[in-house]
C-alpha atoms as a PDB file:
ATOM      1  CA  MET A   1      65.835   4.627  14.414  1.00  0.00           C
ATOM      2  CA  ARG A   2      65.054   2.190  17.593  1.00  0.00           C
ATOM      3  CA  ASN A   3      61.742   3.332  18.042  1.00  0.00           C
ATOM      4  CA  ILE A   4      60.952   3.476  14.751  1.00  0.00           C
ATOM      5  CA  VAL A   5      61.611  -0.083  14.764  1.00  0.00           C
ATOM      6  CA  SER A   6      59.865  -1.344  17.771  1.00  0.00           C
ATOM      7  CA  LEU A   7      56.866   1.173  16.466  1.00  0.00           C
ATOM      8  CA  PHE A   8      57.214  -1.161  13.233  1.00  0.00           C
ATOM      9  CA  PHE A   9      56.907  -4.641  14.655  1.00  0.00           C
ATOM     10  CA  ILE A  10      53.811  -3.449  17.432  1.00  0.00           C
ATOM     11  CA  ALA A  11      52.269  -2.583  14.049  1.00  0.00           C
ATOM     12  CA  ILE A  12      52.463  -5.908  12.459  1.00  0.00           C
ATOM     13  CA  ILE A  13      51.509  -7.601  16.008  1.00  0.00           C
ATOM     14  CA  ILE A  14      48.073  -5.395  15.892  1.00  0.00           C
ATOM     15  CA  VAL A  15      47.624  -6.597  12.287  1.00  0.00           C
ATOM     16  CA  SER A  16      48.437 -10.049  12.814  1.00  0.00           C
ATOM     17  CA  CYS A  17      45.575 -10.308  15.263  1.00  0.00           C
ATOM     18  CA  SER A  18      43.100  -8.005  14.397  1.00  0.00           C
ATOM     19  CA  SER A  19      43.783 -10.710  11.122  1.00  0.00           C
ATOM     20  CA  LYS A  20      43.097 -13.795  13.004  1.00  0.00           C
ATOM     21  CA  THR A  21      39.708 -12.142  15.135  1.00  0.00           C
ATOM     22  CA  ARG A  22      38.370 -11.567  11.475  1.00  0.00           C
ATOM     23  CA  LYS A  23      39.070 -15.540  10.223  1.00  0.00           C
ATOM     24  CA  ALA A  24      38.114 -16.531  13.880  1.00  0.00           C
ATOM     25  CA  LYS A  25      34.694 -14.666  13.130  1.00  0.00           C
ATOM     26  CA  LYS A  26      34.409 -16.098   9.964  1.00  0.00           C
ATOM     27  CA  SER A  27      35.109 -19.646  10.731  1.00  0.00           C
ATOM     28  CA  VAL A  28      32.067 -19.507  13.879  1.00  0.00           C
ATOM     29  CA  ASN A  29      29.826 -17.748  10.921  1.00  0.00           C
ATOM     30  CA  VAL A  30      30.572 -20.909   9.148  1.00  0.00           C
ATOM     31  CA  VAL A  31      30.173 -23.549  11.536  1.00  0.00           C
ATOM     32  CA  SER A  32      27.366 -21.827  12.853  1.00  0.00           C
ATOM     33  CA  GLU A  33      25.928 -22.116   9.435  1.00  0.00           C
ATOM     34  CA  LYS A  34      26.989 -25.746   8.948  1.00  0.00           C
ATOM     35  CA  THR A  35      24.744 -26.206  11.927  1.00  0.00           C
ATOM     36  CA  ASP A  36      21.678 -24.446  11.439  1.00  0.00           C
ATOM     37  CA  LYS A  37      21.645 -26.452   7.854  1.00  0.00           C
ATOM     38  CA  GLU A  38      22.604 -29.532   9.373  1.00  0.00           C
ATOM     39  CA  ASP A  39      19.798 -28.995  12.167  1.00  0.00           C
ATOM     40  CA  VAL A  40      17.317 -28.206   8.845  1.00  0.00           C
ATOM     41  CA  PHE A  41      17.894 -31.264   7.447  1.00  0.00           C
ATOM     42  CA  ILE A  42      17.673 -33.288  10.658  1.00  0.00           C
ATOM     43  CA  SER A  43      14.769 -32.103  11.601  1.00  0.00           C
ATOM     44  CA  SER A  44      13.169 -32.448   8.419  1.00  0.00           C
ATOM     45  CA  LYS A  45      13.914 -36.316   8.661  1.00  0.00           C
ATOM     46  CA  VAL A  46      14.082 -37.035  12.512  1.00  0.00           C
ATOM     47  CA  GLU A  47      11.413 -36.348  15.128  1.00  0.00           C
ATOM     48  CA  ARG A  48      13.440 -34.700  17.704  1.00  0.00           C
ATOM     49  CA  SER A  49      11.775 -33.349  20.674  1.00  0.00           C
ATOM     50  CA  SER A  50      14.140 -30.778  21.825  1.00  0.00           C
ATOM     51  CA  VAL A  51      17.752 -29.444  20.696  1.00  0.00           C
ATOM     52  CA  PHE A  52      20.078 -29.778  23.458  1.00  0.00           C
ATOM     53  CA  ASN A  53      21.490 -26.212  24.662  1.00  0.00           C
ATOM     54  CA  PRO A  54      24.627 -26.280  27.309  1.00  0.00           C
ATOM     55  CA  TYR A  55      24.522 -22.876  28.385  1.00  0.00           C
ATOM     56  CA  LYS A  56      20.770 -22.845  28.957  1.00  0.00           C
ATOM     57  CA  ILE A  57      20.038 -23.897  32.520  1.00  0.00           C
ATOM     58  CA  ASN A  58      16.825 -24.839  31.784  1.00  0.00           C
ATOM     59  CA  SER A  59      17.810 -27.408  29.468  1.00  0.00           C
ATOM     60  CA  VAL A  60      20.040 -29.181  32.350  1.00  0.00           C
ATOM     61  CA  SER A  61      17.374 -31.301  35.220  1.00  0.00           C
ATOM     62  CA  PHE A  62      19.351 -32.042  38.223  1.00  0.00           C
ATOM     63  CA  LYS A  63      16.360 -32.984  40.551  1.00  0.00           C
ATOM     64  CA  LYS A  64      17.419 -36.501  41.811  1.00  0.00           C
ATOM     65  CA  ILE A  65      15.642 -39.751  40.028  1.00  0.00           C
ATOM     66  CA  LYS A  66      14.059 -42.141  43.136  1.00  0.00           C
ATOM     67  CA  ILE A  67      15.411 -45.626  42.377  1.00  0.00           C
ATOM     68  CA  ARG A  68      12.142 -48.193  42.575  1.00  0.00           C
ATOM     69  CA  LYS A  69      12.768 -50.898  45.569  1.00  0.00           C
ATOM     70  CA  ILE A  70      12.369 -54.346  44.052  1.00  0.00           C
ATOM     71  CA  ASN A  71       9.078 -56.123  44.407  1.00  0.00           C
ATOM     72  CA  LYS A  72       9.335 -59.528  43.780  1.00  0.00           C
ATOM     73  CA  GLU A  73       5.513 -59.570  42.636  1.00  0.00           C
ATOM     74  CA  LEU A  74       6.206 -57.905  39.155  1.00  0.00           C
ATOM     75  CA  ASP A  75       8.853 -60.752  38.232  1.00  0.00           C
ATOM     76  CA  PHE A  76       5.166 -62.264  37.174  1.00  0.00           C
ATOM     77  CA  TYR A  77       2.479 -61.070  35.012  1.00  0.00           C
ATOM     78  CA  ASN A  78      -0.926 -60.229  36.938  1.00  0.00           C
ATOM     79  CA  ASN A  79      -3.857 -59.196  34.703  1.00  0.00           C
ATOM     80  CA  SER A  80      -6.946 -60.582  32.880  1.00  0.00           C
ATOM     81  CA  PHE A  81      -4.736 -63.238  31.055  1.00  0.00           C
ATOM     82  CA  SER A  82      -2.832 -64.590  34.200  1.00  0.00           C
ATOM     83  CA  LYS A  83      -4.858 -67.210  34.714  1.00  0.00           C
ATOM     84  CA  LYS A  84      -4.897 -68.472  31.358  1.00  0.00           C
ATOM     85  CA  ASN A  85      -3.096 -70.924  31.090  1.00  0.00           C
ATOM     86  CA  LEU A  86      -0.456 -72.675  33.494  1.00  0.00           C
ATOM     87  CA  LEU A  87       2.429 -70.582  31.814  1.00  0.00           C
ATOM     88  CA  SER A  88       0.294 -67.075  31.480  1.00  0.00           C
ATOM     89  CA  HIS A  89       2.069 -65.219  34.113  1.00  0.00           C
ATOM     90  CA  GLU A  90       5.648 -65.762  33.196  1.00  0.00           C
ATOM     91  CA  THR A  91       5.792 -65.196  29.817  1.00  0.00           C
ATOM     92  CA  LEU A  92       4.037 -63.061  27.113  1.00  0.00           C
ATOM     93  CA  ASN A  93       4.765 -65.784  24.317  1.00  0.00           C
ATOM     94  CA  LEU A  94       1.874 -67.223  24.333  1.00  0.00           C
ATOM     95  CA  PHE A  95      -0.895 -64.691  23.893  1.00  0.00           C
ATOM     96  CA  THR A  96      -2.034 -63.533  20.346  1.00  0.00           C
ATOM     97  CA  ARG A  97      -2.173 -60.249  19.048  1.00  0.00           C
ATOM     98  CA  SER A  98      -5.574 -58.871  20.124  1.00  0.00           C
ATOM     99  CA  GLU A  99      -4.774 -60.440  23.903  1.00  0.00           C
ATOM    100  CA  LEU A 100      -1.107 -58.378  23.908  1.00  0.00           C
ATOM    101  CA  SER A 101      -3.319 -54.804  22.763  1.00  0.00           C
ATOM    102  CA  LYS A 102      -5.612 -55.914  25.685  1.00  0.00           C
ATOM    103  CA  LEU A 103      -2.963 -56.496  27.831  1.00  0.00           C
ATOM    104  CA  LYS A 104      -1.030 -52.811  27.271  1.00  0.00           C
ATOM    105  CA  LEU A 105      -3.912 -50.606  27.811  1.00  0.00           C
ATOM    106  CA  GLU A 106      -4.572 -52.027  31.546  1.00  0.00           C
ATOM    107  CA  THR A 107      -0.558 -52.181  32.328  1.00  0.00           C
ATOM    108  CA  LYS A 108       0.823 -49.830  34.082  1.00  0.00           C
ATOM    109  CA  ASP A 109       4.341 -51.318  35.243  1.00  0.00           C
ATOM    110  CA  PRO A 110       6.315 -49.703  32.507  1.00  0.00           C
ATOM    111  CA  ILE A 111       8.901 -52.548  32.440  1.00  0.00           C
ATOM    112  CA  SER A 112       6.189 -55.178  31.659  1.00  0.00           C
ATOM    113  CA  LEU A 113       4.697 -52.400  29.137  1.00  0.00           C
ATOM    114  CA  SER A 114       8.293 -52.411  27.231  1.00  0.00           C
ATOM    115  CA  MET A 115       8.011 -56.391  26.963  1.00  0.00           C
ATOM    116  CA  ILE A 116       4.516 -56.261  25.208  1.00  0.00           C
ATOM    117  CA  PHE A 117       6.048 -53.745  22.861  1.00  0.00           C
ATOM    118  CA  CYS A 118       8.504 -56.133  21.562  1.00  0.00           C
ATOM    119  CA  TYR A 119       5.937 -59.167  21.658  1.00  0.00           C
ATOM    120  CA  GLN A 120       4.340 -56.909  19.220  1.00  0.00           C
ATOM    121  CA  LYS A 121       7.478 -55.928  17.052  1.00  0.00           C
ATOM    122  CA  LYS A 122       7.446 -52.714  18.170  1.00  0.00           C
ATOM    123  CA  TYR A 123      11.138 -52.734  19.603  1.00  0.00           C
ATOM    124  CA  LYS A 124      11.839 -49.069  19.020  1.00  0.00           C
ATOM    125  CA  ASP A 125       8.967 -47.958  21.569  1.00  0.00           C
ATOM    126  CA  GLY A 126      10.140 -50.714  23.130  1.00  0.00           C
ATOM    127  CA  PHE A 127      13.755 -49.671  23.303  1.00  0.00           C
ATOM    128  CA  ASP A 128      12.286 -45.809  23.553  1.00  0.00           C
ATOM    129  CA  LEU A 129      10.490 -46.332  27.752  1.00  0.00           C
ATOM    130  CA  LEU A 130      13.526 -48.525  28.489  1.00  0.00           C
ATOM    131  CA  ASP A 131      15.968 -45.594  27.982  1.00  0.00           C
ATOM    132  CA  LYS A 132      13.151 -43.077  29.614  1.00  0.00           C
ATOM    133  CA  ILE A 133      13.090 -45.291  32.816  1.00  0.00           C
ATOM    134  CA  PHE A 134      16.931 -46.390  33.198  1.00  0.00           C
ATOM    135  CA  PHE A 135      17.777 -44.185  36.142  1.00  0.00           C
ATOM    136  CA  LYS A 136      14.544 -45.308  37.658  1.00  0.00           C
ATOM    137  CA  TYR A 137      15.203 -48.875  37.228  1.00  0.00           C
ATOM    138  CA  LYS A 138      18.359 -49.984  36.629  1.00  0.00           C
ATOM    139  CA  LYS A 139      19.355 -51.445  39.850  1.00  0.00           C
ATOM    140  CA  GLU A 140      16.907 -54.411  39.392  1.00  0.00           C
ATOM    141  CA  SER A 141      17.685 -57.617  37.490  1.00  0.00           C
ATOM    142  CA  ARG A 142      13.830 -57.475  35.577  1.00  0.00           C
ATOM    143  CA  TYR A 143      14.859 -54.388  33.893  1.00  0.00           C
ATOM    144  CA  TRP A 144      17.455 -55.862  32.501  1.00  0.00           C
ATOM    145  CA  ASN A 145      15.818 -58.726  31.524  1.00  0.00           C
ATOM    146  CA  SER A 146      13.350 -57.382  29.717  1.00  0.00           C
ATOM    147  CA  LEU A 147      16.255 -55.363  27.333  1.00  0.00           C
ATOM    148  CA  ALA A 148      17.685 -58.900  27.010  1.00  0.00           C
ATOM    149  CA  VAL A 149      14.664 -59.839  25.927  1.00  0.00           C
ATOM    150  CA  CYS A 150      13.471 -57.201  23.610  1.00  0.00           C
ATOM    151  CA  TYR A 151      17.531 -57.379  22.179  1.00  0.00           C
ATOM    152  CA  PHE A 152      16.716 -61.359  21.791  1.00  0.00           C
ATOM    153  CA  LEU A 153      13.480 -60.376  19.754  1.00  0.00           C
ATOM    154  CA  SER A 154      14.936 -58.256  17.637  1.00  0.00           C
ATOM    155  CA  GLY A 155      17.486 -60.559  16.564  1.00  0.00           C
ATOM    156  CA  LYS A 156      20.644 -59.630  18.399  1.00  0.00           C
ATOM    157  CA  TYR A 157      21.982 -62.185  20.348  1.00  0.00           C
ATOM    158  CA  ARG A 158      24.776 -61.055  21.368  1.00  0.00           C
ATOM    159  CA  LYS A 159      23.346 -58.097  23.029  1.00  0.00           C
ATOM    160  CA  ALA A 160      21.071 -59.894  24.891  1.00  0.00           C
ATOM    161  CA  ASP A 161      23.258 -62.461  25.870  1.00  0.00           C
ATOM    162  CA  LEU A 162      25.359 -59.521  28.133  1.00  0.00           C
ATOM    163  CA  TYR A 163      22.676 -57.607  29.213  1.00  0.00           C
ATOM    164  CA  LEU A 164      21.053 -61.193  30.757  1.00  0.00           C
ATOM    165  CA  ASN A 165      24.212 -61.326  32.461  1.00  0.00           C
ATOM    166  CA  LYS A 166      24.108 -57.601  33.552  1.00  0.00           C
ATOM    167  CA  SER A 167      21.581 -58.830  35.272  1.00  0.00           C
ATOM    168  CA  LEU A 168      22.130 -62.051  36.737  1.00  0.00           C
ATOM    169  CA  SER A 169      25.623 -59.855  38.326  1.00  0.00           C
ATOM    170  CA  ILE A 170      23.098 -57.945  40.519  1.00  0.00           C
ATOM    171  CA  ASP A 171      20.707 -60.673  41.705  1.00  0.00           C
ATOM    172  CA  ASN A 172      22.592 -64.055  40.528  1.00  0.00           C
ATOM    173  CA  LYS A 173      19.546 -66.103  41.482  1.00  0.00           C
ATOM    174  CA  PHE A 174      17.008 -64.223  39.782  1.00  0.00           C
ATOM    175  CA  ALA A 175      15.289 -67.202  37.861  1.00  0.00           C
ATOM    176  CA  PRO A 176      13.913 -65.475  34.454  1.00  0.00           C
ATOM    177  CA  SER A 177      17.102 -64.535  33.777  1.00  0.00           C
ATOM    178  CA  ILE A 178      18.709 -68.227  34.032  1.00  0.00           C
ATOM    179  CA  ASN A 179      15.956 -69.341  31.753  1.00  0.00           C
ATOM    180  CA  ASN A 180      16.350 -66.880  29.449  1.00  0.00           C
ATOM    181  CA  LEU A 181      20.096 -67.775  29.065  1.00  0.00           C
ATOM    182  CA  GLY A 182      18.998 -71.559  28.285  1.00  0.00           C
ATOM    183  CA  VAL A 183      16.712 -69.999  25.659  1.00  0.00           C
ATOM    184  CA  LEU A 184      19.402 -68.345  23.858  1.00  0.00           C
ATOM    185  CA  TYR A 185      22.166 -71.215  24.031  1.00  0.00           C
ATOM    186  CA  ASN A 186      19.187 -73.255  22.947  1.00  0.00           C
ATOM    187  CA  LYS A 187      18.722 -70.748  19.790  1.00  0.00           C
ATOM    188  CA  ARG A 188      22.327 -71.551  18.971  1.00  0.00           C
ATOM    189  CA  LYS A 189      21.942 -75.060  19.406  1.00  0.00           C
ATOM    190  CA  LEU A 190      24.463 -75.551  22.479  1.00  0.00           C
ATOM    191  CA  TYR A 191      22.288 -77.546  24.199  1.00  0.00           C
ATOM    192  CA  LYS A 192      24.293 -79.122  26.826  1.00  0.00           C
ATOM    193  CA  SER A 193      24.263 -75.792  28.033  1.00  0.00           C
ATOM    194  CA  ALA A 194      21.020 -74.475  27.621  1.00  0.00           C
ATOM    195  CA  PHE A 195      20.094 -77.852  29.633  1.00  0.00           C
ATOM    196  CA  ASP A 196      22.169 -76.860  32.826  1.00  0.00           C
ATOM    197  CA  PHE A 197      20.525 -72.985  32.456  1.00  0.00           C
ATOM    198  CA  PHE A 198      16.768 -74.594  32.557  1.00  0.00           C
ATOM    199  CA  ASN A 199      17.597 -76.897  35.304  1.00  0.00           C
ATOM    200  CA  LYS A 200      19.086 -74.485  37.643  1.00  0.00           C
ATOM    201  CA  SER A 201      16.599 -72.117  36.954  1.00  0.00           C
ATOM    202  CA  SER A 202      13.940 -74.082  38.049  1.00  0.00           C
ATOM    203  CA  LYS A 203      15.728 -75.632  41.058  1.00  0.00           C
ATOM    204  CA  VAL A 204      16.532 -71.798  42.169  1.00  0.00           C
ATOM    205  CA  ASN A 205      12.435 -70.945  41.816  1.00  0.00           C
ATOM    206  CA  SER A 206      10.601 -73.920  42.017  1.00  0.00           C
ATOM    207  CA  PHE A 207       7.125 -72.619  41.791  1.00  0.00           C
ATOM    208  CA  SER A 208       8.567 -71.784  37.754  1.00  0.00           C
ATOM    209  CA  VAL A 209       6.982 -73.657  35.465  1.00  0.00           C
ATOM    210  CA  THR A 210       8.667 -72.562  31.880  1.00  0.00           C
ATOM    211  CA  PRO A 211      12.273 -73.863  32.940  1.00  0.00           C
ATOM    212  CA  ILE A 212      10.816 -77.382  33.570  1.00  0.00           C
ATOM    213  CA  LEU A 213       8.845 -77.432  30.059  1.00  0.00           C
ATOM    214  CA  ASN A 214      12.057 -76.415  28.368  1.00  0.00           C
ATOM    215  CA  LYS A 215      14.279 -78.723  30.264  1.00  0.00           C
ATOM    216  CA  ALA A 216      11.791 -81.524  28.981  1.00  0.00           C
ATOM    217  CA  GLN A 217      11.436 -79.813  25.618  1.00  0.00           C
ATOM    218  CA  ILE A 218      15.231 -80.562  25.388  1.00  0.00           C
ATOM    219  CA  LEU A 219      15.230 -84.309  26.694  1.00  0.00           C
ATOM    220  CA  LEU A 220      12.317 -85.312  24.233  1.00  0.00           C
ATOM    221  CA  ARG A 221      14.684 -83.840  21.527  1.00  0.00           C
ATOM    222  CA  PHE A 222      17.420 -86.083  22.420  1.00  0.00           C
ATOM    223  CA  ASN A 223      14.888 -88.929  22.506  1.00  0.00           C
ATOM    224  CA  LEU A 224      15.435 -89.370  26.532  1.00  0.00           C
ATOM    225  CA  LEU A 225      11.738 -90.486  27.144  1.00  0.00           C
ATOM    226  CA  GLU A 226      11.593 -91.784  30.751  1.00  0.00           C
ATOM    227  CA  LYS A 227      12.950 -88.363  31.435  1.00  0.00           C
ATOM    228  CA  ALA A 228      11.188 -86.287  29.761  1.00  0.00           C
ATOM    229  CA  CYS A 229       7.602 -87.882  29.299  1.00  0.00           C
ATOM    230  CA  PRO A 230       7.012 -87.896  32.798  1.00  0.00           C
ATOM    231  CA  ILE A 231       7.848 -84.021  32.631  1.00  0.00           C
ATOM    232  CA  PHE A 232       5.155 -83.717  30.111  1.00  0.00           C
ATOM    233  CA  ARG A 233       2.200 -86.118  31.796  1.00  0.00           C
ATOM    234  CA  SER A 234       2.162 -83.836  34.956  1.00  0.00           C
ATOM    235  CA  LEU A 235       2.324 -80.530  33.042  1.00  0.00           C
ATOM    236  CA  TYR A 236      -0.506 -81.891  30.784  1.00  0.00           C
ATOM    237  CA  ALA A 237      -2.402 -83.040  33.687  1.00  0.00           C
ATOM    238  CA  GLU A 238      -2.250 -79.336  34.822  1.00  0.00           C
ATOM    239  CA  ASP A 239      -2.947 -77.410  31.806  1.00  0.00           C
ATOM    240  CA  PRO A 240      -4.459 -79.713  28.998  1.00  0.00           C
ATOM    241  CA  PHE A 241      -4.687 -76.793  26.169  1.00  0.00           C
ATOM    242  CA  ASN A 242      -1.304 -75.124  26.214  1.00  0.00           C
ATOM    243  CA  LYS A 243       0.105 -76.023  22.666  1.00  0.00           C
ATOM    244  CA  ASP A 244       3.332 -77.077  23.435  1.00  0.00           C
ATOM    245  CA  ILE A 245       2.954 -78.868  26.524  1.00  0.00           C
ATOM    246  CA  GLY A 246       0.193 -80.768  24.596  1.00  0.00           C
ATOM    247  CA  HIS A 247       2.772 -81.327  21.861  1.00  0.00           C
ATOM    248  CA  GLY A 248       5.220 -82.934  24.230  1.00  0.00           C
ATOM    249  CA  TYR A 249       3.050 -85.131  25.881  1.00  0.00           C
ATOM    250  CA  GLY A 250       1.030 -86.067  22.440  1.00  0.00           C
ATOM    251  CA  THR A 251       4.875 -86.938  20.984  1.00  0.00           C
ATOM    252  CA  CYS A 252       5.235 -89.086  24.391  1.00  0.00           C
ATOM    253  CA  LEU A 253       2.185 -90.686  23.256  1.00  0.00           C
ATOM    254  CA  LEU A 254       3.582 -91.280  19.345  1.00  0.00           C
ATOM    255  CA  PHE A 255       6.148 -92.869  20.786  1.00  0.00           C
ATOM    256  CA  LYS A 256       4.715 -95.423  22.804  1.00  0.00           C
ATOM    257  CA  ASP A 257       2.331 -96.386  20.613  1.00  0.00           C
ATOM    258  CA  LYS A 258      -0.187 -95.095  21.488  1.00  0.00           C
ATOM    259  CA  PRO A 259      -1.913 -93.238  18.472  1.00  0.00           C
ATOM    260  CA  LYS A 260      -5.252 -93.300  19.846  1.00  0.00           C
ATOM    261  CA  ASP A 261      -4.203 -91.046  22.895  1.00  0.00           C
ATOM    262  CA  ALA A 262      -2.032 -89.224  21.319  1.00  0.00           C
ATOM    263  CA  TYR A 263      -5.182 -88.243  18.729  1.00  0.00           C
ATOM    264  CA  ILE A 264      -7.578 -87.604  21.591  1.00  0.00           C
ATOM    265  CA  VAL A 265      -4.697 -84.809  22.869  1.00  0.00           C
ATOM    266  CA  TYR A 266      -3.898 -82.908  19.139  1.00  0.00           C
ATOM    267  CA  LYS A 267      -7.556 -82.796  18.723  1.00  0.00           C
ATOM    268  CA  ASN A 268      -8.296 -80.597  21.669  1.00  0.00           C
ATOM    269  CA  LEU A 269      -4.951 -78.253  20.919  1.00  0.00           C
ATOM    270  CA  LYS A 270      -5.638 -75.223  18.662  1.00  0.00           C
ATOM    271  CA  ILE A 271      -3.225 -76.424  15.621  1.00  0.00           C
ATOM    272  CA  ASN A 272      -2.808 -73.518  13.222  1.00  0.00           C
ATOM    273  CA  PHE A 273      -1.331 -75.250   9.755  1.00  0.00           C
ATOM    274  CA  HIS A 274       0.889 -72.663   9.263  1.00  0.00           C
ATOM    275  CA  LYS A 275       2.349 -72.028  12.539  1.00  0.00           C
ATOM    276  CA  ASP A 276       2.135 -75.232  14.104  1.00  0.00           C
ATOM    277  CA  GLU A 277       3.296 -77.725  11.141  1.00  0.00           C
ATOM    278  CA  ILE A 278       5.389 -80.004  13.294  1.00  0.00           C
ATOM    279  CA  PRO A 279       2.341 -80.736  16.021  1.00  0.00           C
ATOM    280  CA  PHE A 280       0.269 -80.664  12.545  1.00  0.00           C
ATOM    281  CA  VAL A 281       1.830 -83.431  11.195  1.00  0.00           C
ATOM    282  CA  HIS A 282       1.638 -85.474  14.572  1.00  0.00           C
ATOM    283  CA  TYR A 283      -1.595 -85.138  14.441  1.00  0.00           C
ATOM    284  CA  LEU A 284      -2.374 -86.312  11.232  1.00  0.00           C
ATOM    285  CA  LEU A 285       0.592 -89.316  12.043  1.00  0.00           C
ATOM    286  CA  SER A 286      -1.972 -90.166  14.687  1.00  0.00           C
ATOM    287  CA  LEU A 287      -4.367 -90.579  12.433  1.00  0.00           C
ATOM    288  CA  LYS A 288      -2.268 -92.377   9.945  1.00  0.00           C
ATOM    289  CA  LEU A 289      -1.450 -94.727  12.464  1.00  0.00           C
ATOM    290  CA  MET A 290      -5.521 -95.516  13.444  1.00  0.00           C
ATOM    291  CA  GLY A 291      -6.446 -96.084   9.760  1.00  0.00           C
ATOM    292  CA  GLN A 292      -7.832 -92.692   9.608  1.00  0.00           C
ATOM    293  CA  ASN A 293      -7.503 -91.624   5.897  1.00  0.00           C
ATOM    294  CA  ALA A 294     -10.704 -90.163   5.069  1.00  0.00           C
ATOM    295  CA  GLU A 295     -10.058 -87.699   8.122  1.00  0.00           C
ATOM    296  CA  ILE A 296      -6.709 -86.821   6.622  1.00  0.00           C
ATOM    297  CA  LYS A 297      -7.703 -86.334   3.138  1.00  0.00           C
ATOM    298  CA  GLN A 298     -10.229 -83.735   4.608  1.00  0.00           C
ATOM    299  CA  LEU A 299      -7.779 -82.189   6.775  1.00  0.00           C
ATOM    300  CA  ILE A 300      -5.190 -81.126   4.114  1.00  0.00           C
ATOM    301  CA  SER A 301      -7.831 -80.840   1.449  1.00  0.00           C
ATOM    302  CA  GLY A 302      -6.886 -77.651  -0.480  1.00  0.00           C
ATOM    303  CA  ALA A 303      -3.496 -76.892   1.877  1.00  0.00           C
ATOM    304  CA  LYS A 304      -0.186 -75.591   0.425  1.00  0.00           C
ATOM    305  CA  ALA A 305       2.566 -77.875   2.598  1.00  0.00           C
ATOM    306  CA  ASN A 306       4.789 -75.541   1.965  1.00  0.00           C
ATOM    307  CA  PHE A 307       7.093 -76.916   5.168  1.00  0.00           C
ATOM    308  CA  LYS A 308       9.999 -74.518   6.546  1.00  0.00           C
ATOM    309  CA  THR A 309      11.581 -77.868   8.230  1.00  0.00           C
ATOM    310  CA  LYS A 310      12.685 -80.968   6.576  1.00  0.00           C
ATOM    311  CA  TYR A 311      11.113 -83.115   9.244  1.00  0.00           C
ATOM    312  CA  ALA A 312       7.584 -81.836   8.910  1.00  0.00           C
ATOM    313  CA  ARG A 313       7.654 -82.313   4.769  1.00  0.00           C
ATOM    314  CA  ARG A 314       8.839 -86.081   5.093  1.00  0.00           C
ATOM    315  CA  MET A 315       6.232 -86.872   7.540  1.00  0.00           C
ATOM    316  CA  PHE A 316       3.263 -84.655   6.001  1.00  0.00           C
ATOM    317  CA  ASP A 317       4.722 -86.943   2.790  1.00  0.00           C
ATOM    318  CA  PHE A 318       4.647 -90.250   4.722  1.00  0.00           C
ATOM    319  CA  VAL A 319       1.196 -89.555   5.977  1.00  0.00           C
ATOM    320  CA  ARG A 320      -0.448 -88.791   2.253  1.00  0.00           C
ATOM    321  CA  SER A 321       1.292 -92.155   1.146  1.00  0.00           C
ATOM    322  CA  LYS A 322      -0.777 -95.143   0.808  1.00  0.00           C
END
């Protein structure tokens, strides 16, 4: 009797085990069918180079990636436009679309190339390139600075802040990241902190012009003319065709009641009515103060004054008034 009972229990165990294996097989088949369907769906919507398979040795690369040595010369842009003006070797912000396209063709440095993509508003291409070169350049401050700039240009300021600080954790005297923190705080309208960063950046790298210009612009914003105008005057003597420098110096001359000198400054600048609205209305103001109403009418004839700022709108109304 005992043997019969024991055999009965063994039979139950065997049946239960076999049923579990069948269920497991069914579940595996269902999961595989789902993943296959998902793969078909994803591949039809998203571009994918290959699917990672951990069971294939070929899918895993164990090759050690060499980390590039830091080259300080690459902190500046060396290209056919690098001597275009006083700031062109420090920033890409001053270049036109056609110039950026030309720079992209002649640029071999991948970090600089990612920056060009982001300034062209091709953010995906910029981020993809930075992802590819991560292991090679992760110990360079300029890599994290470039990543931060791309996030800043795409409007993601918190991430820009994070990666600028990451850049400075590698090199706390990396002037571009210090200056860019100033740009970020200026965007957030935290002008005191922005000025401190610009001031620090100009002290860390006395040969860099960008933080000096940024510092002068904040001083001018708060009408600190005695400190701002000498900076603009010295920068203007070096580069009279830069819009930011010329506009700052021209504004100083208007404040000092020198409309004729301001007119000469603005006339030499290639001012775009739609993009450079404040320099444009200051240009009109210099003509207004000189009594050149005929030239004002010629400049504003047929122009639609859809200004973004209230200041430009009020100034434009004043210039048109009799």
